[in-house]
Amino acid sequence: MQVIGLTGGIATGKSTVSSILKNAGAVIIDADRIARDVVKKGLPAYQEIIDAFGENILLPDGEIDRGLLGDIIFNDPQKKQLLNSIVHPHVRKETNLKLKHIKKTHPNTIVILDIPLLMEAKMHKNFSEVIVVYAPEHTQIERLMQRDGISKADALARVRSQMSIEEKKDLATIVIDNSGTRKNTRKRTLEIFQHIKKQTK
């Protein structure tokens, strides 16, 4: 089993690359999806978040209002750090359980660990290969404005709230430039997958 790190920046197209890799035969572990699951009502992280942020972040059905919580942490780096300190250990635990299961059932597979904050969490050092899906900042901003219907100022603020894509690119072992056509991105992604498959054998 080979485990590869996959990351990028907001609106660089990481989900597109992840989907191509999945269709090519890789097993994808999506840290974002795990993070959404571990904070569901009744689970340990759920109660820890309520204890830290109060019950006013809950929806009428008792689940956490992710939009409201996102707004709170976006404007407050300390609260963002607090939330991460609660959620990340649960995500790591669940990820490790998934990896153990895959190793037991599919020992020769390629696992892509899709982690948006891979570099920020200094986890890139744990992987022999780290793929960064790249698009220049101006492309990120244009895509965000179009995708979310937000102003240029809001798009810029969201992009700049993360580590810059140029920094991530410098820390990568493999870069997939997704600033061109989808066809080019698919071609590059499949070439990389074939290269990794040869290393895994």
N, C-alpha and C. Protein backbone atom coordinates (compact mmCIF):
# COMPACT_ATOMS: atom_id res chain seq x y z
N MET A 1 0.84 -1.20 0.00
CA MET A 1 0.00 0.00 0.00
C MET A 1 0.88 1.25 0.00
N GLN A 2 0.56 2.16 -0.89
CA GLN A 2 1.27 3.44 -0.91
C GLN A 2 0.29 4.55 -0.58
N VAL A 3 0.67 5.42 0.36
CA VAL A 3 -0.19 6.52 0.77
C VAL A 3 0.41 7.83 0.27
N ILE A 4 -0.37 8.56 -0.52
CA ILE A 4 0.06 9.82 -1.12
C ILE A 4 -0.76 10.97 -0.55
N GLY A 5 -0.12 12.07 -0.21
CA GLY A 5 -0.84 13.25 0.25
C GLY A 5 -1.33 14.08 -0.93
N LEU A 6 -2.54 14.58 -0.84
CA LEU A 6 -3.10 15.46 -1.88
C LEU A 6 -3.63 16.72 -1.23
N THR A 7 -3.22 17.86 -1.75
CA THR A 7 -3.72 19.12 -1.22
C THR A 7 -3.76 20.17 -2.33
N GLY A 8 -4.15 21.37 -1.96
CA GLY A 8 -4.22 22.47 -2.92
C GLY A 8 -4.67 23.71 -2.17
N GLY A 9 -5.20 24.66 -2.88
CA GLY A 9 -5.77 25.84 -2.25
C GLY A 9 -7.24 25.94 -2.60
N ILE A 10 -7.92 26.89 -2.00
CA ILE A 10 -9.33 27.08 -2.29
C ILE A 10 -9.50 27.40 -3.79
N ALA A 11 -10.40 26.68 -4.45
CA ALA A 11 -10.73 26.88 -5.87
C ALA A 11 -9.57 26.59 -6.83
N THR A 12 -8.63 25.72 -6.40
CA THR A 12 -7.57 25.32 -7.34
C THR A 12 -7.99 24.08 -8.15
N GLY A 13 -9.02 23.37 -7.67
CA GLY A 13 -9.51 22.21 -8.40
C GLY A 13 -9.10 20.87 -7.83
N LYS A 14 -8.84 20.84 -6.53
CA LYS A 14 -8.41 19.60 -5.86
C LYS A 14 -9.47 18.51 -6.00
N SER A 15 -10.74 18.89 -5.89
CA SER A 15 -11.83 17.89 -5.99
C SER A 15 -11.85 17.25 -7.37
N THR A 16 -11.55 18.04 -8.40
CA THR A 16 -11.50 17.52 -9.78
C THR A 16 -10.42 16.45 -9.89
N VAL A 17 -9.23 16.77 -9.39
CA VAL A 17 -8.10 15.83 -9.44
C VAL A 17 -8.40 14.58 -8.61
N SER A 18 -8.98 14.77 -7.44
CA SER A 18 -9.35 13.65 -6.57
C SER A 18 -10.31 12.70 -7.28
N SER A 19 -11.28 13.26 -7.99
CA SER A 19 -12.27 12.47 -8.72
C SER A 19 -11.61 11.67 -9.85
N ILE A 20 -10.67 12.31 -10.56
CA ILE A 20 -9.95 11.62 -11.65
C ILE A 20 -9.15 10.44 -11.08
N LEU A 21 -8.48 10.66 -9.96
CA LEU A 21 -7.68 9.61 -9.32
C LEU A 21 -8.56 8.45 -8.84
N LYS A 22 -9.72 8.81 -8.30
CA LYS A 22 -10.66 7.78 -7.83
C LYS A 22 -11.13 6.91 -9.00
N ASN A 23 -11.48 7.56 -10.10
CA ASN A 23 -11.95 6.82 -11.28
C ASN A 23 -10.84 5.96 -11.90
N ALA A 24 -9.58 6.37 -11.66
CA ALA A 24 -8.44 5.61 -12.19
C ALA A 24 -8.11 4.41 -11.32
N GLY A 25 -8.70 4.34 -10.11
CA GLY A 25 -8.49 3.17 -9.25
C GLY A 25 -7.89 3.44 -7.88
N ALA A 26 -7.60 4.70 -7.59
CA ALA A 26 -7.06 5.02 -6.26
C ALA A 26 -8.18 5.00 -5.21
N VAL A 27 -7.80 4.71 -3.98
CA VAL A 27 -8.75 4.82 -2.87
C VAL A 27 -8.56 6.20 -2.24
N ILE A 28 -9.64 6.95 -2.17
CA ILE A 28 -9.56 8.32 -1.64
C ILE A 28 -10.05 8.35 -0.19
N ILE A 29 -9.24 8.92 0.68
CA ILE A 29 -9.69 9.23 2.04
C ILE A 29 -9.79 10.75 2.12
N ASP A 30 -11.00 11.23 2.26
CA ASP A 30 -11.29 12.67 2.23
C ASP A 30 -11.37 13.20 3.66
N ALA A 31 -10.34 13.95 4.08
CA ALA A 31 -10.29 14.46 5.45
C ALA A 31 -11.43 15.43 5.75
N ASP A 32 -11.84 16.19 4.73
CA ASP A 32 -12.96 17.12 4.91
C ASP A 32 -14.25 16.38 5.25
N ARG A 33 -14.47 15.27 4.54
CA ARG A 33 -15.68 14.47 4.77
C ARG A 33 -15.65 13.86 6.18
N ILE A 34 -14.46 13.38 6.57
CA ILE A 34 -14.31 12.82 7.92
C ILE A 34 -14.57 13.91 8.96
N ALA A 35 -14.04 15.11 8.71
CA ALA A 35 -14.24 16.24 9.64
C ALA A 35 -15.73 16.58 9.79
N ARG A 36 -16.48 16.44 8.71
CA ARG A 36 -17.94 16.68 8.77
C ARG A 36 -18.63 15.59 9.58
N ASP A 37 -18.14 14.36 9.42
CA ASP A 37 -18.78 13.22 10.10
C ASP A 37 -18.51 13.21 11.60
N VAL A 38 -17.27 13.55 12.01
CA VAL A 38 -16.91 13.43 13.43
C VAL A 38 -17.57 14.48 14.32
N VAL A 39 -18.17 15.51 13.71
CA VAL A 39 -18.82 16.55 14.52
C VAL A 39 -20.35 16.37 14.54
N LYS A 40 -20.82 15.23 14.06
CA LYS A 40 -22.27 15.00 14.06
C LYS A 40 -22.78 14.79 15.48
N LYS A 41 -24.05 15.07 15.64
CA LYS A 41 -24.73 14.99 16.94
C LYS A 41 -24.48 13.65 17.63
N GLY A 42 -24.08 13.72 18.89
CA GLY A 42 -23.88 12.52 19.67
C GLY A 42 -22.46 11.99 19.69
N LEU A 43 -21.62 12.49 18.80
CA LEU A 43 -20.23 12.03 18.76
C LEU A 43 -19.34 12.91 19.65
N PRO A 44 -18.19 12.38 20.11
CA PRO A 44 -17.37 13.13 21.08
C PRO A 44 -16.99 14.55 20.66
N ALA A 45 -16.60 14.74 19.41
CA ALA A 45 -16.18 16.08 18.96
C ALA A 45 -17.34 17.07 19.02
N TYR A 46 -18.55 16.57 18.80
CA TYR A 46 -19.76 17.42 18.83
C TYR A 46 -19.89 18.11 20.20
N GLN A 47 -19.80 17.33 21.26
CA GLN A 47 -19.96 17.88 22.61
C GLN A 47 -18.81 18.83 22.95
N GLU A 48 -17.61 18.48 22.52
CA GLU A 48 -16.44 19.34 22.78
C GLU A 48 -16.62 20.71 22.12
N ILE A 49 -17.19 20.72 20.91
CA ILE A 49 -17.41 21.98 20.18
C ILE A 49 -18.47 22.83 20.88
N ILE A 50 -19.55 22.18 21.33
CA ILE A 50 -20.60 22.91 22.05
C ILE A 50 -20.04 23.50 23.35
N ASP A 51 -19.22 22.73 24.06
CA ASP A 51 -18.60 23.21 25.30
C ASP A 51 -17.73 24.43 25.03
N ALA A 52 -17.08 24.45 23.87
CA ALA A 52 -16.15 25.54 23.54
C ALA A 52 -16.86 26.75 22.94
N PHE A 53 -17.91 26.53 22.14
CA PHE A 53 -18.52 27.64 21.38
C PHE A 53 -19.94 28.00 21.82
N GLY A 54 -20.55 27.16 22.66
CA GLY A 54 -21.90 27.45 23.14
C GLY A 54 -22.99 26.85 22.26
N GLU A 55 -24.20 26.77 22.80
CA GLU A 55 -25.32 26.12 22.09
C GLU A 55 -25.93 27.00 21.00
N ASN A 56 -25.52 28.27 20.94
CA ASN A 56 -26.07 29.16 19.90
C ASN A 56 -25.57 28.81 18.50
N ILE A 57 -24.62 27.86 18.41
CA ILE A 57 -24.14 27.44 17.08
C ILE A 57 -24.94 26.25 16.53
N LEU A 58 -25.99 25.85 17.26
CA LEU A 58 -26.78 24.69 16.84
C LEU A 58 -27.96 25.08 15.96
N LEU A 59 -28.28 24.19 15.04
CA LEU A 59 -29.48 24.31 14.21
C LEU A 59 -30.68 23.80 15.01
N PRO A 60 -31.90 24.07 14.54
CA PRO A 60 -33.09 23.59 15.27
C PRO A 60 -33.10 22.07 15.52
N ASP A 61 -32.48 21.31 14.60
CA ASP A 61 -32.47 19.84 14.78
C ASP A 61 -31.34 19.36 15.71
N GLY A 62 -30.57 20.33 16.26
CA GLY A 62 -29.51 19.98 17.20
C GLY A 62 -28.15 19.77 16.57
N GLU A 63 -28.09 19.70 15.23
CA GLU A 63 -26.79 19.57 14.56
C GLU A 63 -26.06 20.91 14.58
N ILE A 64 -24.76 20.88 14.38
CA ILE A 64 -23.96 22.11 14.37
C ILE A 64 -24.20 22.88 13.07
N ASP A 65 -24.43 24.17 13.19
CA ASP A 65 -24.59 25.05 12.03
C ASP A 65 -23.19 25.34 11.48
N ARG A 66 -22.80 24.59 10.47
CA ARG A 66 -21.43 24.70 9.94
C ARG A 66 -21.15 26.08 9.34
N GLY A 67 -22.19 26.66 8.73
CA GLY A 67 -22.03 27.99 8.14
C GLY A 67 -21.74 29.05 9.19
N LEU A 68 -22.50 28.99 10.27
CA LEU A 68 -22.32 29.95 11.37
C LEU A 68 -20.95 29.76 12.04
N LEU A 69 -20.60 28.51 12.28
CA LEU A 69 -19.30 28.21 12.90
C LEU A 69 -18.16 28.67 11.99
N GLY A 70 -18.35 28.48 10.69
CA GLY A 70 -17.35 28.92 9.71
C GLY A 70 -17.14 30.42 9.74
N ASP A 71 -18.25 31.16 9.87
CA ASP A 71 -18.17 32.63 9.96
C ASP A 71 -17.42 33.06 11.21
N ILE A 72 -17.68 32.37 12.32
CA ILE A 72 -17.04 32.70 13.60
C ILE A 72 -15.52 32.52 13.50
N ILE A 73 -15.10 31.37 12.99
CA ILE A 73 -13.65 31.09 12.97
C ILE A 73 -12.93 31.84 11.86
N PHE A 74 -13.65 32.18 10.79
CA PHE A 74 -13.03 32.92 9.68
C PHE A 74 -12.54 34.28 10.14
N ASN A 75 -13.28 34.87 11.06
CA ASN A 75 -12.95 36.21 11.55
C ASN A 75 -12.14 36.22 12.84
N ASP A 76 -11.78 35.04 13.34
CA ASP A 76 -11.07 34.97 14.61
C ASP A 76 -10.04 33.83 14.60
N PRO A 77 -8.77 34.14 14.33
CA PRO A 77 -7.74 33.10 14.23
C PRO A 77 -7.62 32.23 15.48
N GLN A 78 -7.85 32.81 16.68
CA GLN A 78 -7.75 32.03 17.92
C GLN A 78 -8.86 30.97 17.99
N LYS A 79 -10.07 31.38 17.58
CA LYS A 79 -11.19 30.43 17.60
C LYS A 79 -11.02 29.35 16.52
N LYS A 80 -10.39 29.75 15.41
CA LYS A 80 -10.09 28.78 14.35
C LYS A 80 -9.13 27.72 14.88
N GLN A 81 -8.11 28.19 15.61
CA GLN A 81 -7.13 27.29 16.22
C GLN A 81 -7.79 26.37 17.25
N LEU A 82 -8.72 26.94 18.02
CA LEU A 82 -9.45 26.16 19.04
C LEU A 82 -10.26 25.05 18.37
N LEU A 83 -11.00 25.40 17.31
CA LEU A 83 -11.81 24.40 16.61
C LEU A 83 -10.92 23.30 16.03
N ASN A 84 -9.82 23.70 15.41
CA ASN A 84 -8.90 22.72 14.83
C ASN A 84 -8.33 21.78 15.90
N SER A 85 -8.04 22.33 17.09
CA SER A 85 -7.48 21.51 18.17
C SER A 85 -8.49 20.48 18.67
N ILE A 86 -9.78 20.77 18.49
CA ILE A 86 -10.83 19.82 18.87
C ILE A 86 -11.03 18.77 17.77
N VAL A 87 -11.15 19.24 16.53
CA VAL A 87 -11.54 18.35 15.42
C VAL A 87 -10.39 17.48 14.91
N HIS A 88 -9.20 18.06 14.78
CA HIS A 88 -8.10 17.34 14.13
C HIS A 88 -7.74 16.00 14.77
N PRO A 89 -7.67 15.89 16.12
CA PRO A 89 -7.35 14.58 16.70
C PRO A 89 -8.37 13.50 16.33
N HIS A 90 -9.64 13.88 16.26
CA HIS A 90 -10.70 12.92 15.88
C HIS A 90 -10.57 12.52 14.40
N VAL A 91 -10.19 13.48 13.56
CA VAL A 91 -10.00 13.20 12.14
C VAL A 91 -8.81 12.26 11.95
N ARG A 92 -7.72 12.52 12.68
CA ARG A 92 -6.53 11.66 12.59
C ARG A 92 -6.84 10.23 13.02
N LYS A 93 -7.59 10.10 14.12
CA LYS A 93 -7.95 8.78 14.64
C LYS A 93 -8.78 8.00 13.62
N GLU A 94 -9.77 8.66 13.04
CA GLU A 94 -10.64 8.01 12.05
C GLU A 94 -9.86 7.67 10.77
N THR A 95 -8.97 8.57 10.37
CA THR A 95 -8.14 8.33 9.18
C THR A 95 -7.26 7.11 9.38
N ASN A 96 -6.64 7.00 10.55
CA ASN A 96 -5.78 5.85 10.85
C ASN A 96 -6.55 4.54 10.85
N LEU A 97 -7.78 4.58 11.35
CA LEU A 97 -8.63 3.37 11.32
C LEU A 97 -8.93 2.95 9.88
N LYS A 98 -9.21 3.95 9.03
CA LYS A 98 -9.49 3.66 7.62
C LYS A 98 -8.25 3.08 6.92
N LEU A 99 -7.08 3.66 7.22
CA LEU A 99 -5.84 3.17 6.61
C LEU A 99 -5.54 1.74 7.03
N LYS A 100 -5.75 1.44 8.30
CA LYS A 100 -5.52 0.07 8.80
C LYS A 100 -6.42 -0.93 8.08
N HIS A 101 -7.68 -0.54 7.90
CA HIS A 101 -8.66 -1.40 7.23
C HIS A 101 -8.26 -1.64 5.77
N ILE A 102 -7.84 -0.57 5.08
CA ILE A 102 -7.44 -0.69 3.67
C ILE A 102 -6.20 -1.57 3.54
N LYS A 103 -5.24 -1.37 4.44
CA LYS A 103 -4.00 -2.16 4.40
C LYS A 103 -4.29 -3.65 4.57
N LYS A 104 -5.28 -3.93 5.40
CA LYS A 104 -5.66 -5.33 5.68
C LYS A 104 -6.39 -5.95 4.49
N THR A 105 -7.29 -5.14 3.87
CA THR A 105 -8.16 -5.69 2.82
C THR A 105 -7.61 -5.50 1.40
N HIS A 106 -6.87 -4.41 1.16
CA HIS A 106 -6.31 -4.12 -0.17
C HIS A 106 -4.85 -3.66 -0.04
N PRO A 107 -3.95 -4.58 0.33
CA PRO A 107 -2.56 -4.19 0.65
C PRO A 107 -1.77 -3.58 -0.51
N ASN A 108 -2.20 -3.83 -1.75
CA ASN A 108 -1.43 -3.33 -2.91
C ASN A 108 -2.01 -2.07 -3.54
N THR A 109 -2.94 -1.45 -2.85
CA THR A 109 -3.62 -0.30 -3.44
C THR A 109 -2.86 1.00 -3.24
N ILE A 110 -3.27 2.03 -3.98
CA ILE A 110 -2.74 3.38 -3.80
C ILE A 110 -3.81 4.20 -3.09
N VAL A 111 -3.44 4.73 -1.95
CA VAL A 111 -4.38 5.54 -1.15
C VAL A 111 -4.01 7.01 -1.30
N ILE A 112 -5.00 7.82 -1.64
CA ILE A 112 -4.80 9.27 -1.73
C ILE A 112 -5.46 9.90 -0.52
N LEU A 113 -4.64 10.49 0.32
CA LEU A 113 -5.15 11.17 1.51
C LEU A 113 -5.37 12.64 1.16
N ASP A 114 -6.63 12.99 0.96
CA ASP A 114 -7.02 14.34 0.51
C ASP A 114 -7.21 15.22 1.74
N ILE A 115 -6.22 16.10 1.99
CA ILE A 115 -6.22 16.94 3.20
C ILE A 115 -6.01 18.40 2.81
N PRO A 116 -7.05 19.24 2.90
CA PRO A 116 -6.91 20.65 2.51
C PRO A 116 -5.80 21.39 3.25
N LEU A 117 -5.66 21.13 4.56
CA LEU A 117 -4.67 21.86 5.37
C LEU A 117 -3.41 21.02 5.63
N LEU A 118 -3.04 20.22 4.66
CA LEU A 118 -1.89 19.31 4.81
C LEU A 118 -0.61 20.06 5.18
N MET A 119 -0.33 21.14 4.44
CA MET A 119 0.90 21.92 4.69
C MET A 119 0.79 22.70 6.00
N GLU A 120 -0.37 23.32 6.21
CA GLU A 120 -0.57 24.13 7.41
C GLU A 120 -0.37 23.30 8.69
N ALA A 121 -0.81 22.04 8.62
CA ALA A 121 -0.68 21.14 9.78
C ALA A 121 0.68 20.45 9.82
N LYS A 122 1.58 20.82 8.88
CA LYS A 122 2.94 20.26 8.80
C LYS A 122 2.91 18.73 8.59
N MET A 123 1.82 18.24 8.00
CA MET A 123 1.69 16.79 7.80
C MET A 123 2.35 16.33 6.51
N HIS A 124 2.74 17.27 5.65
CA HIS A 124 3.35 16.89 4.36
C HIS A 124 4.66 16.11 4.57
N LYS A 125 5.28 16.30 5.74
CA LYS A 125 6.54 15.61 6.04
C LYS A 125 6.33 14.11 6.25
N ASN A 126 5.07 13.70 6.44
CA ASN A 126 4.77 12.28 6.70
C ASN A 126 4.66 11.45 5.42
N PHE A 127 4.71 12.11 4.26
CA PHE A 127 4.47 11.41 2.99
C PHE A 127 5.71 11.42 2.10
N SER A 128 5.92 10.31 1.39
CA SER A 128 7.03 10.27 0.43
C SER A 128 6.69 11.13 -0.79
N GLU A 129 5.39 11.20 -1.12
CA GLU A 129 4.94 12.03 -2.25
C GLU A 129 3.78 12.91 -1.79
N VAL A 130 3.86 14.18 -2.17
CA VAL A 130 2.75 15.11 -1.88
C VAL A 130 2.37 15.81 -3.19
N ILE A 131 1.12 15.61 -3.60
CA ILE A 131 0.60 16.26 -4.81
C ILE A 131 -0.07 17.57 -4.41
N VAL A 132 0.32 18.65 -5.07
CA VAL A 132 -0.38 19.93 -4.90
C VAL A 132 -1.08 20.28 -6.20
N VAL A 133 -2.38 20.52 -6.10
CA VAL A 133 -3.16 20.98 -7.26
C VAL A 133 -3.04 22.50 -7.29
N TYR A 134 -2.49 23.00 -8.38
CA TYR A 134 -2.10 24.41 -8.46
C TYR A 134 -2.94 25.20 -9.46
N ALA A 135 -3.26 26.42 -9.06
CA ALA A 135 -3.78 27.45 -9.98
C ALA A 135 -3.32 28.77 -9.39
N PRO A 136 -2.86 29.73 -10.21
CA PRO A 136 -2.38 31.00 -9.65
C PRO A 136 -3.48 31.75 -8.91
N GLU A 137 -3.07 32.64 -8.01
CA GLU A 137 -4.03 33.33 -7.14
C GLU A 137 -5.14 34.04 -7.91
N HIS A 138 -4.79 34.69 -9.00
CA HIS A 138 -5.83 35.43 -9.76
C HIS A 138 -6.89 34.48 -10.32
N THR A 139 -6.47 33.25 -10.65
CA THR A 139 -7.43 32.24 -11.13
C THR A 139 -8.31 31.77 -9.97
N GLN A 140 -7.70 31.55 -8.81
CA GLN A 140 -8.48 31.19 -7.61
C GLN A 140 -9.57 32.23 -7.35
N ILE A 141 -9.21 33.49 -7.40
CA ILE A 141 -10.15 34.58 -7.10
C ILE A 141 -11.29 34.60 -8.12
N GLU A 142 -10.94 34.49 -9.39
CA GLU A 142 -11.97 34.48 -10.46
C GLU A 142 -12.94 33.31 -10.26
N ARG A 143 -12.39 32.15 -9.98
CA ARG A 143 -13.24 30.96 -9.80
C ARG A 143 -14.14 31.08 -8.58
N LEU A 144 -13.59 31.61 -7.50
CA LEU A 144 -14.38 31.78 -6.28
C LEU A 144 -15.53 32.76 -6.48
N MET A 145 -15.25 33.88 -7.16
CA MET A 145 -16.29 34.89 -7.44
C MET A 145 -17.42 34.27 -8.25
N GLN A 146 -17.02 33.46 -9.24
CA GLN A 146 -18.01 32.82 -10.12
C GLN A 146 -18.77 31.73 -9.38
N ARG A 147 -18.03 30.90 -8.63
CA ARG A 147 -18.64 29.74 -7.95
C ARG A 147 -19.59 30.14 -6.83
N ASP A 148 -19.13 31.09 -5.98
CA ASP A 148 -19.90 31.44 -4.78
C ASP A 148 -20.68 32.74 -4.90
N GLY A 149 -20.53 33.42 -6.04
CA GLY A 149 -21.26 34.68 -6.24
C GLY A 149 -20.86 35.75 -5.24
N ILE A 150 -19.54 35.85 -4.97
CA ILE A 150 -19.06 36.81 -3.98
C ILE A 150 -18.22 37.90 -4.65
N SER A 151 -17.96 38.96 -3.92
CA SER A 151 -17.17 40.07 -4.45
C SER A 151 -15.69 39.70 -4.54
N LYS A 152 -14.96 40.50 -5.28
CA LYS A 152 -13.52 40.26 -5.42
C LYS A 152 -12.83 40.38 -4.06
N ALA A 153 -13.26 41.36 -3.25
CA ALA A 153 -12.67 41.56 -1.92
C ALA A 153 -12.89 40.34 -1.03
N ASP A 154 -14.12 39.79 -1.07
CA ASP A 154 -14.43 38.60 -0.26
C ASP A 154 -13.64 37.37 -0.74
N ALA A 155 -13.53 37.25 -2.07
CA ALA A 155 -12.78 36.13 -2.64
C ALA A 155 -11.30 36.23 -2.24
N LEU A 156 -10.77 37.43 -2.32
CA LEU A 156 -9.36 37.66 -1.95
C LEU A 156 -9.12 37.33 -0.47
N ALA A 157 -10.07 37.73 0.37
CA ALA A 157 -9.95 37.47 1.82
C ALA A 157 -9.92 35.97 2.09
N ARG A 158 -10.76 35.22 1.39
CA ARG A 158 -10.80 33.76 1.59
C ARG A 158 -9.51 33.10 1.12
N VAL A 159 -9.03 33.54 -0.03
CA VAL A 159 -7.79 32.97 -0.57
C VAL A 159 -6.61 33.29 0.35
N ARG A 160 -6.56 34.53 0.83
CA ARG A 160 -5.43 34.97 1.65
C ARG A 160 -5.50 34.44 3.09
N SER A 161 -6.65 33.84 3.47
CA SER A 161 -6.76 33.27 4.82
C SER A 161 -6.01 31.93 4.91
N GLN A 162 -5.63 31.40 3.74
CA GLN A 162 -4.89 30.14 3.69
C GLN A 162 -3.42 30.41 3.38
N MET A 163 -2.58 29.40 3.58
CA MET A 163 -1.20 29.48 3.10
C MET A 163 -1.25 29.70 1.59
N SER A 164 -0.37 30.53 1.07
CA SER A 164 -0.41 30.83 -0.37
C SER A 164 -0.14 29.59 -1.20
N ILE A 165 -0.79 29.53 -2.36
CA ILE A 165 -0.64 28.37 -3.24
C ILE A 165 0.79 28.28 -3.76
N GLU A 166 1.49 29.40 -3.84
CA GLU A 166 2.89 29.38 -4.29
C GLU A 166 3.77 28.67 -3.25
N GLU A 167 3.51 28.92 -1.97
CA GLU A 167 4.24 28.24 -0.89
C GLU A 167 3.98 26.74 -0.94
N LYS A 168 2.71 26.38 -1.13
CA LYS A 168 2.35 24.96 -1.19
C LYS A 168 3.03 24.29 -2.38
N LYS A 169 3.04 25.00 -3.48
CA LYS A 169 3.69 24.48 -4.70
C LYS A 169 5.16 24.16 -4.43
N ASP A 170 5.84 25.05 -3.70
CA ASP A 170 7.26 24.86 -3.39
C ASP A 170 7.50 23.66 -2.48
N LEU A 171 6.51 23.31 -1.66
CA LEU A 171 6.65 22.19 -0.72
C LEU A 171 6.24 20.84 -1.33
N ALA A 172 5.64 20.89 -2.52
CA ALA A 172 5.14 19.67 -3.16
C ALA A 172 6.27 18.84 -3.76
N THR A 173 6.02 17.54 -3.89
CA THR A 173 6.93 16.70 -4.68
C THR A 173 6.38 16.54 -6.10
N ILE A 174 5.05 16.70 -6.23
CA ILE A 174 4.38 16.63 -7.54
C ILE A 174 3.40 17.80 -7.63
N VAL A 175 3.42 18.51 -8.75
CA VAL A 175 2.48 19.62 -8.96
C VAL A 175 1.59 19.31 -10.17
N ILE A 176 0.29 19.46 -9.97
CA ILE A 176 -0.66 19.35 -11.08
C ILE A 176 -1.21 20.75 -11.33
N ASP A 177 -0.84 21.32 -12.46
CA ASP A 177 -1.30 22.67 -12.81
C ASP A 177 -2.71 22.57 -13.39
N ASN A 178 -3.66 23.12 -12.64
CA ASN A 178 -5.06 23.06 -13.06
C ASN A 178 -5.57 24.44 -13.51
N SER A 179 -4.65 25.24 -14.07
CA SER A 179 -5.08 26.56 -14.54
C SER A 179 -5.49 26.53 -16.01
N GLY A 180 -5.27 25.38 -16.66
CA GLY A 180 -5.62 25.24 -18.08
C GLY A 180 -6.94 24.52 -18.27
N THR A 181 -6.99 23.66 -19.28
CA THR A 181 -8.24 22.95 -19.59
C THR A 181 -8.36 21.71 -18.70
N ARG A 182 -9.60 21.25 -18.56
CA ARG A 182 -9.86 20.02 -17.80
C ARG A 182 -9.17 18.82 -18.46
N LYS A 183 -9.11 18.86 -19.79
CA LYS A 183 -8.47 17.77 -20.54
C LYS A 183 -6.98 17.67 -20.18
N ASN A 184 -6.32 18.81 -20.11
CA ASN A 184 -4.90 18.83 -19.75
C ASN A 184 -4.68 18.34 -18.32
N THR A 185 -5.57 18.77 -17.41
CA THR A 185 -5.48 18.34 -16.01
C THR A 185 -5.66 16.83 -15.90
N ARG A 186 -6.62 16.30 -16.64
CA ARG A 186 -6.88 14.85 -16.61
C ARG A 186 -5.68 14.08 -17.14
N LYS A 187 -5.10 14.56 -18.24
CA LYS A 187 -3.92 13.91 -18.84
C LYS A 187 -2.76 13.88 -17.85
N ARG A 188 -2.47 15.01 -17.24
CA ARG A 188 -1.36 15.11 -16.27
C ARG A 188 -1.61 14.22 -15.05
N THR A 189 -2.86 14.23 -14.56
CA THR A 189 -3.21 13.43 -13.37
C THR A 189 -3.06 11.94 -13.65
N LEU A 190 -3.51 11.49 -14.80
CA LEU A 190 -3.40 10.06 -15.15
C LEU A 190 -1.95 9.64 -15.36
N GLU A 191 -1.13 10.54 -15.93
CA GLU A 191 0.30 10.25 -16.09
C GLU A 191 0.95 10.03 -14.72
N ILE A 192 0.61 10.91 -13.79
CA ILE A 192 1.16 10.81 -12.42
C ILE A 192 0.70 9.51 -11.76
N PHE A 193 -0.57 9.17 -11.94
CA PHE A 193 -1.11 7.95 -11.33
C PHE A 193 -0.38 6.71 -11.86
N GLN A 194 -0.14 6.69 -13.16
CA GLN A 194 0.59 5.55 -13.75
C GLN A 194 2.01 5.48 -13.19
N HIS A 195 2.65 6.63 -13.02
CA HIS A 195 4.00 6.70 -12.45
C HIS A 195 4.01 6.13 -11.02
N ILE A 196 3.01 6.52 -10.23
CA ILE A 196 2.91 6.04 -8.85
C ILE A 196 2.63 4.53 -8.81
N LYS A 197 1.79 4.06 -9.73
CA LYS A 197 1.47 2.62 -9.81
C LYS A 197 2.74 1.79 -10.06
N LYS A 198 3.62 2.30 -10.91
CA LYS A 198 4.87 1.58 -11.21
C LYS A 198 5.75 1.49 -9.95
N GLN A 199 5.74 2.56 -9.16
CA GLN A 199 6.53 2.58 -7.92
C GLN A 199 5.97 1.63 -6.88
N THR A 200 4.64 1.41 -6.91
CA THR A 200 3.97 0.60 -5.90
C THR A 200 4.21 -0.89 -6.11
N LYS A 201 4.45 -1.28 -7.36
CA LYS A 201 4.63 -2.72 -7.66
C LYS A 201 5.92 -3.26 -7.06
